[in-house]
Amino acid sequence: MALLSGHVAVALAAALALAAGSRPDRLALVGTLVVLTLLVPVWYRSAVTATDEWAAAVRALVNTGRKPLAASLGLALPQTLAAERDMWTMVSRLSRIAYHERAAALDPYRAGPTTDPF
């Protein structure tokens, strides 16, 4: 994104300098404008590709951490994705409504007692 925005800013500055009047460095300004204008789509595509790969990596981290997080919170993962989505929505709201009566809606997702004393 830095290359994209930086090159757009420099290309605009070159265009403004060209529009300002006759300049002795006109060829350099035109060359800069052309090259940077051609590079902007390359940097945009690179940013989109990097964002897609980052999103996939974050999604993989979230998916691998679901079960340990639920276990550490004393919850059991439901069988359906819709029920799990509802459970995580309620968990995310606990910081706002920790002692609210709606917090009891998590009771069906609570894990049973374990025999492990620790």
N, C-alpha and C. Protein backbone atom coordinates (compact mmCIF):
# COMPACT_ATOMS: atom_id res chain seq x y z
N MET A 1 0.82 -1.18 0.00
CA MET A 1 0.00 0.00 0.00
C MET A 1 0.87 1.26 0.00
N ALA A 2 2.03 1.18 0.67
CA ALA A 2 2.91 2.35 0.71
C ALA A 2 3.45 2.66 -0.69
N LEU A 3 3.83 1.62 -1.43
CA LEU A 3 4.29 1.86 -2.80
C LEU A 3 3.18 2.45 -3.66
N LEU A 4 1.99 1.92 -3.52
CA LEU A 4 0.86 2.41 -4.30
C LEU A 4 0.58 3.88 -4.01
N SER A 5 0.42 4.21 -2.73
CA SER A 5 0.09 5.60 -2.41
C SER A 5 1.26 6.54 -2.68
N GLY A 6 2.47 6.08 -2.44
CA GLY A 6 3.64 6.92 -2.72
C GLY A 6 3.80 7.21 -4.19
N HIS A 7 3.61 6.19 -5.02
CA HIS A 7 3.74 6.39 -6.47
C HIS A 7 2.61 7.26 -7.02
N VAL A 8 1.42 7.13 -6.47
CA VAL A 8 0.32 8.01 -6.90
C VAL A 8 0.65 9.45 -6.54
N ALA A 9 1.17 9.67 -5.34
CA ALA A 9 1.51 11.03 -4.91
C ALA A 9 2.61 11.63 -5.78
N VAL A 10 3.63 10.85 -6.09
CA VAL A 10 4.73 11.36 -6.93
C VAL A 10 4.24 11.61 -8.36
N ALA A 11 3.38 10.72 -8.88
CA ALA A 11 2.83 10.91 -10.22
C ALA A 11 1.98 12.17 -10.28
N LEU A 12 1.19 12.42 -9.24
CA LEU A 12 0.40 13.65 -9.20
C LEU A 12 1.29 14.88 -9.12
N ALA A 13 2.36 14.79 -8.36
CA ALA A 13 3.29 15.92 -8.27
C ALA A 13 3.95 16.18 -9.62
N ALA A 14 4.29 15.11 -10.33
CA ALA A 14 4.89 15.27 -11.66
C ALA A 14 3.88 15.89 -12.62
N ALA A 15 2.62 15.46 -12.54
CA ALA A 15 1.59 16.02 -13.42
C ALA A 15 1.36 17.50 -13.11
N LEU A 16 1.36 17.85 -11.84
CA LEU A 16 1.20 19.25 -11.46
C LEU A 16 2.38 20.09 -11.93
N ALA A 17 3.58 19.55 -11.85
CA ALA A 17 4.76 20.28 -12.31
C ALA A 17 4.72 20.47 -13.82
N LEU A 18 4.23 19.47 -14.54
CA LEU A 18 4.09 19.60 -16.00
C LEU A 18 3.03 20.64 -16.36
N ALA A 19 1.95 20.67 -15.58
CA ALA A 19 0.88 21.62 -15.86
C ALA A 19 1.27 23.05 -15.50
N ALA A 20 2.30 23.20 -14.68
CA ALA A 20 2.69 24.54 -14.22
C ALA A 20 3.33 25.37 -15.32
N GLY A 21 3.79 24.75 -16.37
CA GLY A 21 4.39 25.53 -17.46
C GLY A 21 5.59 24.82 -18.05
N SER A 22 6.30 25.54 -18.92
CA SER A 22 7.46 24.94 -19.58
C SER A 22 8.60 24.81 -18.57
N ARG A 23 9.13 23.61 -18.51
CA ARG A 23 10.20 23.32 -17.56
C ARG A 23 11.36 22.68 -18.32
N PRO A 24 12.58 22.94 -17.89
CA PRO A 24 13.73 22.34 -18.58
C PRO A 24 13.80 20.82 -18.37
N ASP A 25 13.21 20.31 -17.30
CA ASP A 25 13.25 18.87 -17.02
C ASP A 25 11.95 18.16 -17.44
N ARG A 26 11.35 18.65 -18.50
CA ARG A 26 10.07 18.12 -18.98
C ARG A 26 10.16 16.63 -19.32
N LEU A 27 11.24 16.19 -19.95
CA LEU A 27 11.39 14.79 -20.33
C LEU A 27 11.42 13.89 -19.08
N ALA A 28 12.13 14.32 -18.06
CA ALA A 28 12.19 13.53 -16.82
C ALA A 28 10.81 13.46 -16.15
N LEU A 29 10.07 14.56 -16.18
CA LEU A 29 8.74 14.57 -15.58
C LEU A 29 7.77 13.66 -16.34
N VAL A 30 7.84 13.71 -17.67
CA VAL A 30 6.97 12.84 -18.48
C VAL A 30 7.33 11.39 -18.25
N GLY A 31 8.62 11.08 -18.23
CA GLY A 31 9.06 9.70 -17.98
C GLY A 31 8.61 9.21 -16.61
N THR A 32 8.75 10.05 -15.61
CA THR A 32 8.31 9.69 -14.26
C THR A 32 6.81 9.43 -14.23
N LEU A 33 6.06 10.31 -14.86
CA LEU A 33 4.61 10.17 -14.89
C LEU A 33 4.19 8.87 -15.58
N VAL A 34 4.81 8.55 -16.71
CA VAL A 34 4.45 7.34 -17.46
C VAL A 34 4.82 6.09 -16.67
N VAL A 35 6.04 6.04 -16.16
CA VAL A 35 6.50 4.84 -15.44
C VAL A 35 5.66 4.60 -14.18
N LEU A 36 5.42 5.64 -13.43
CA LEU A 36 4.65 5.47 -12.20
C LEU A 36 3.19 5.13 -12.48
N THR A 37 2.64 5.68 -13.53
CA THR A 37 1.27 5.35 -13.90
C THR A 37 1.16 3.88 -14.31
N LEU A 38 2.20 3.35 -14.95
CA LEU A 38 2.20 1.93 -15.32
C LEU A 38 2.42 1.03 -14.11
N LEU A 39 3.13 1.51 -13.10
CA LEU A 39 3.40 0.69 -11.92
C LEU A 39 2.25 0.66 -10.92
N VAL A 40 1.37 1.63 -10.93
CA VAL A 40 0.27 1.68 -9.96
C VAL A 40 -0.60 0.41 -10.01
N PRO A 41 -1.00 -0.10 -11.17
CA PRO A 41 -1.78 -1.35 -11.18
C PRO A 41 -1.00 -2.55 -10.63
N VAL A 42 0.31 -2.56 -10.85
CA VAL A 42 1.14 -3.66 -10.32
C VAL A 42 1.10 -3.63 -8.79
N TRP A 43 1.28 -2.45 -8.20
CA TRP A 43 1.27 -2.35 -6.73
C TRP A 43 -0.12 -2.64 -6.17
N TYR A 44 -1.16 -2.25 -6.90
CA TYR A 44 -2.52 -2.53 -6.42
C TYR A 44 -2.77 -4.04 -6.39
N ARG A 45 -2.38 -4.71 -7.47
CA ARG A 45 -2.56 -6.17 -7.53
C ARG A 45 -1.74 -6.87 -6.44
N SER A 46 -0.54 -6.38 -6.18
CA SER A 46 0.30 -6.96 -5.12
C SER A 46 -0.36 -6.78 -3.76
N ALA A 47 -0.95 -5.63 -3.52
CA ALA A 47 -1.62 -5.38 -2.24
C ALA A 47 -2.83 -6.29 -2.07
N VAL A 48 -3.60 -6.48 -3.14
CA VAL A 48 -4.77 -7.36 -3.07
C VAL A 48 -4.33 -8.79 -2.80
N THR A 49 -3.30 -9.25 -3.48
CA THR A 49 -2.80 -10.62 -3.29
C THR A 49 -2.30 -10.82 -1.86
N ALA A 50 -1.55 -9.86 -1.36
CA ALA A 50 -1.02 -9.97 0.00
C ALA A 50 -2.15 -9.98 1.03
N THR A 51 -3.17 -9.18 0.80
CA THR A 51 -4.30 -9.13 1.73
C THR A 51 -5.06 -10.45 1.72
N ASP A 52 -5.25 -11.03 0.54
CA ASP A 52 -5.94 -12.32 0.46
C ASP A 52 -5.16 -13.40 1.19
N GLU A 53 -3.84 -13.44 1.02
CA GLU A 53 -3.03 -14.44 1.71
C GLU A 53 -3.05 -14.21 3.22
N TRP A 54 -3.03 -12.96 3.64
CA TRP A 54 -3.08 -12.64 5.07
C TRP A 54 -4.42 -13.06 5.65
N ALA A 55 -5.49 -12.82 4.92
CA ALA A 55 -6.82 -13.22 5.40
C ALA A 55 -6.90 -14.74 5.56
N ALA A 56 -6.33 -15.48 4.62
CA ALA A 56 -6.35 -16.94 4.73
C ALA A 56 -5.54 -17.41 5.93
N ALA A 57 -4.40 -16.77 6.20
CA ALA A 57 -3.58 -17.14 7.35
C ALA A 57 -4.31 -16.84 8.66
N VAL A 58 -4.96 -15.70 8.74
CA VAL A 58 -5.71 -15.34 9.96
C VAL A 58 -6.87 -16.30 10.16
N ARG A 59 -7.57 -16.65 9.08
CA ARG A 59 -8.69 -17.58 9.17
C ARG A 59 -8.20 -18.95 9.66
N ALA A 60 -7.04 -19.40 9.19
CA ALA A 60 -6.48 -20.67 9.64
C ALA A 60 -6.12 -20.63 11.12
N LEU A 61 -5.55 -19.51 11.57
CA LEU A 61 -5.22 -19.37 12.99
C LEU A 61 -6.48 -19.40 13.86
N VAL A 62 -7.51 -18.71 13.41
CA VAL A 62 -8.76 -18.69 14.16
C VAL A 62 -9.36 -20.09 14.21
N ASN A 63 -9.36 -20.79 13.09
CA ASN A 63 -9.96 -22.12 13.05
C ASN A 63 -9.21 -23.12 13.92
N THR A 64 -7.88 -23.03 13.98
CA THR A 64 -7.13 -23.96 14.82
C THR A 64 -7.22 -23.60 16.30
N GLY A 65 -7.55 -22.36 16.61
CA GLY A 65 -7.64 -21.94 18.00
C GLY A 65 -9.02 -22.02 18.61
N ARG A 66 -10.03 -22.38 17.82
CA ARG A 66 -11.41 -22.40 18.32
C ARG A 66 -11.58 -23.39 19.47
N LYS A 67 -11.15 -24.62 19.27
CA LYS A 67 -11.37 -25.65 20.28
C LYS A 67 -10.60 -25.37 21.57
N PRO A 68 -9.29 -25.03 21.51
CA PRO A 68 -8.60 -24.73 22.76
C PRO A 68 -9.19 -23.52 23.49
N LEU A 69 -9.62 -22.51 22.74
CA LEU A 69 -10.21 -21.33 23.38
C LEU A 69 -11.52 -21.70 24.06
N ALA A 70 -12.35 -22.47 23.38
CA ALA A 70 -13.62 -22.88 23.98
C ALA A 70 -13.36 -23.71 25.24
N ALA A 71 -12.40 -24.62 25.18
CA ALA A 71 -12.08 -25.45 26.35
C ALA A 71 -11.57 -24.60 27.51
N SER A 72 -10.74 -23.60 27.21
CA SER A 72 -10.21 -22.75 28.28
C SER A 72 -11.31 -21.87 28.89
N LEU A 73 -12.37 -21.62 28.16
CA LEU A 73 -13.50 -20.85 28.69
C LEU A 73 -14.55 -21.75 29.34
N GLY A 74 -14.30 -23.07 29.34
CA GLY A 74 -15.25 -24.00 29.93
C GLY A 74 -16.45 -24.26 29.06
N LEU A 75 -16.27 -24.14 27.75
CA LEU A 75 -17.37 -24.35 26.82
C LEU A 75 -17.09 -25.56 25.94
N ALA A 76 -18.13 -26.18 25.45
CA ALA A 76 -18.02 -27.28 24.50
C ALA A 76 -18.52 -26.78 23.15
N LEU A 77 -17.80 -27.11 22.10
CA LEU A 77 -18.22 -26.67 20.77
C LEU A 77 -19.49 -27.40 20.35
N PRO A 78 -20.50 -26.69 19.88
CA PRO A 78 -21.72 -27.34 19.39
C PRO A 78 -21.46 -28.10 18.09
N GLN A 79 -22.44 -28.90 17.72
CA GLN A 79 -22.29 -29.73 16.52
C GLN A 79 -22.48 -28.96 15.22
N THR A 80 -23.28 -27.91 15.23
CA THR A 80 -23.55 -27.18 13.99
C THR A 80 -22.80 -25.85 13.98
N LEU A 81 -22.48 -25.42 12.78
CA LEU A 81 -21.76 -24.16 12.61
C LEU A 81 -22.62 -22.97 13.05
N ALA A 82 -23.92 -23.03 12.78
CA ALA A 82 -24.80 -21.92 13.17
C ALA A 82 -24.84 -21.79 14.70
N ALA A 83 -24.91 -22.91 15.39
CA ALA A 83 -24.93 -22.88 16.86
C ALA A 83 -23.60 -22.37 17.40
N GLU A 84 -22.50 -22.79 16.76
CA GLU A 84 -21.18 -22.31 17.19
C GLU A 84 -21.05 -20.80 16.97
N ARG A 85 -21.57 -20.33 15.86
CA ARG A 85 -21.54 -18.90 15.58
C ARG A 85 -22.32 -18.13 16.65
N ASP A 86 -23.48 -18.67 17.04
CA ASP A 86 -24.27 -18.03 18.11
C ASP A 86 -23.51 -18.04 19.42
N MET A 87 -22.84 -19.15 19.71
CA MET A 87 -22.08 -19.25 20.95
C MET A 87 -20.96 -18.21 21.00
N TRP A 88 -20.19 -18.09 19.91
CA TRP A 88 -19.09 -17.12 19.88
C TRP A 88 -19.62 -15.69 19.94
N THR A 89 -20.79 -15.44 19.37
CA THR A 89 -21.39 -14.11 19.46
C THR A 89 -21.70 -13.78 20.92
N MET A 90 -22.26 -14.74 21.63
CA MET A 90 -22.56 -14.51 23.05
C MET A 90 -21.27 -14.33 23.86
N VAL A 91 -20.24 -15.12 23.55
CA VAL A 91 -18.96 -15.00 24.27
C VAL A 91 -18.37 -13.62 24.03
N SER A 92 -18.44 -13.13 22.80
CA SER A 92 -17.85 -11.82 22.51
C SER A 92 -18.58 -10.69 23.22
N ARG A 93 -19.83 -10.92 23.59
CA ARG A 93 -20.60 -9.89 24.29
C ARG A 93 -20.44 -9.95 25.81
N LEU A 94 -19.73 -10.96 26.31
CA LEU A 94 -19.58 -11.09 27.76
C LEU A 94 -18.84 -9.92 28.37
N SER A 95 -17.94 -9.30 27.63
CA SER A 95 -17.22 -8.16 28.20
C SER A 95 -18.13 -6.97 28.45
N ARG A 96 -19.23 -6.90 27.71
CA ARG A 96 -20.18 -5.80 27.91
C ARG A 96 -21.29 -6.16 28.87
N ILE A 97 -21.66 -7.44 28.89
CA ILE A 97 -22.82 -7.85 29.70
C ILE A 97 -22.45 -9.01 30.64
N ALA A 98 -21.34 -8.90 31.29
CA ALA A 98 -20.84 -10.03 32.10
C ALA A 98 -21.85 -10.51 33.15
N TYR A 99 -22.56 -9.62 33.78
CA TYR A 99 -23.50 -10.02 34.82
C TYR A 99 -24.95 -9.78 34.39
N HIS A 100 -25.17 -9.70 33.11
CA HIS A 100 -26.51 -9.51 32.57
C HIS A 100 -27.22 -10.86 32.51
N GLU A 101 -28.54 -10.85 32.63
CA GLU A 101 -29.27 -12.12 32.61
C GLU A 101 -29.13 -12.85 31.26
N ARG A 102 -28.82 -12.10 30.19
CA ARG A 102 -28.64 -12.77 28.90
C ARG A 102 -27.37 -13.60 28.85
N ALA A 103 -26.44 -13.39 29.80
CA ALA A 103 -25.22 -14.20 29.84
C ALA A 103 -25.56 -15.66 30.15
N ALA A 104 -26.70 -15.91 30.76
CA ALA A 104 -27.12 -17.28 31.05
C ALA A 104 -27.44 -18.05 29.78
N ALA A 105 -27.56 -17.37 28.66
CA ALA A 105 -27.83 -18.05 27.39
C ALA A 105 -26.66 -18.95 26.98
N LEU A 106 -25.51 -18.77 27.60
CA LEU A 106 -24.36 -19.64 27.31
C LEU A 106 -24.44 -20.97 28.04
N ASP A 107 -25.36 -21.13 28.95
CA ASP A 107 -25.44 -22.36 29.74
C ASP A 107 -25.52 -23.63 28.90
N PRO A 108 -26.27 -23.67 27.79
CA PRO A 108 -26.29 -24.90 27.00
C PRO A 108 -24.94 -25.28 26.41
N TYR A 109 -24.03 -24.33 26.31
CA TYR A 109 -22.73 -24.60 25.71
C TYR A 109 -21.65 -24.92 26.74
N ARG A 110 -21.99 -24.85 28.02
CA ARG A 110 -20.99 -25.10 29.04
C ARG A 110 -20.59 -26.57 29.03
N ALA A 111 -19.28 -26.80 29.19
CA ALA A 111 -18.77 -28.16 29.21
C ALA A 111 -19.11 -28.79 30.55
N GLY A 112 -19.26 -30.10 30.53
CA GLY A 112 -19.55 -30.82 31.76
C GLY A 112 -18.32 -30.82 32.67
N PRO A 113 -18.52 -31.17 33.92
CA PRO A 113 -17.39 -31.19 34.84
C PRO A 113 -16.37 -32.26 34.42
N THR A 114 -15.12 -31.95 34.66
CA THR A 114 -14.06 -32.91 34.32
C THR A 114 -13.57 -33.57 35.58
N THR A 115 -12.89 -34.70 35.43
CA THR A 115 -12.35 -35.41 36.58
C THR A 115 -10.94 -34.93 36.92
N ASP A 116 -10.39 -34.08 36.09
CA ASP A 116 -9.05 -33.55 36.32
C ASP A 116 -9.10 -32.51 37.45
N PRO A 117 -8.40 -32.74 38.57
CA PRO A 117 -8.46 -31.78 39.68
C PRO A 117 -7.73 -30.47 39.41
N PHE A 118 -6.92 -30.44 38.41
CA PHE A 118 -6.17 -29.22 38.12
C PHE A 118 -6.72 -28.62 36.90
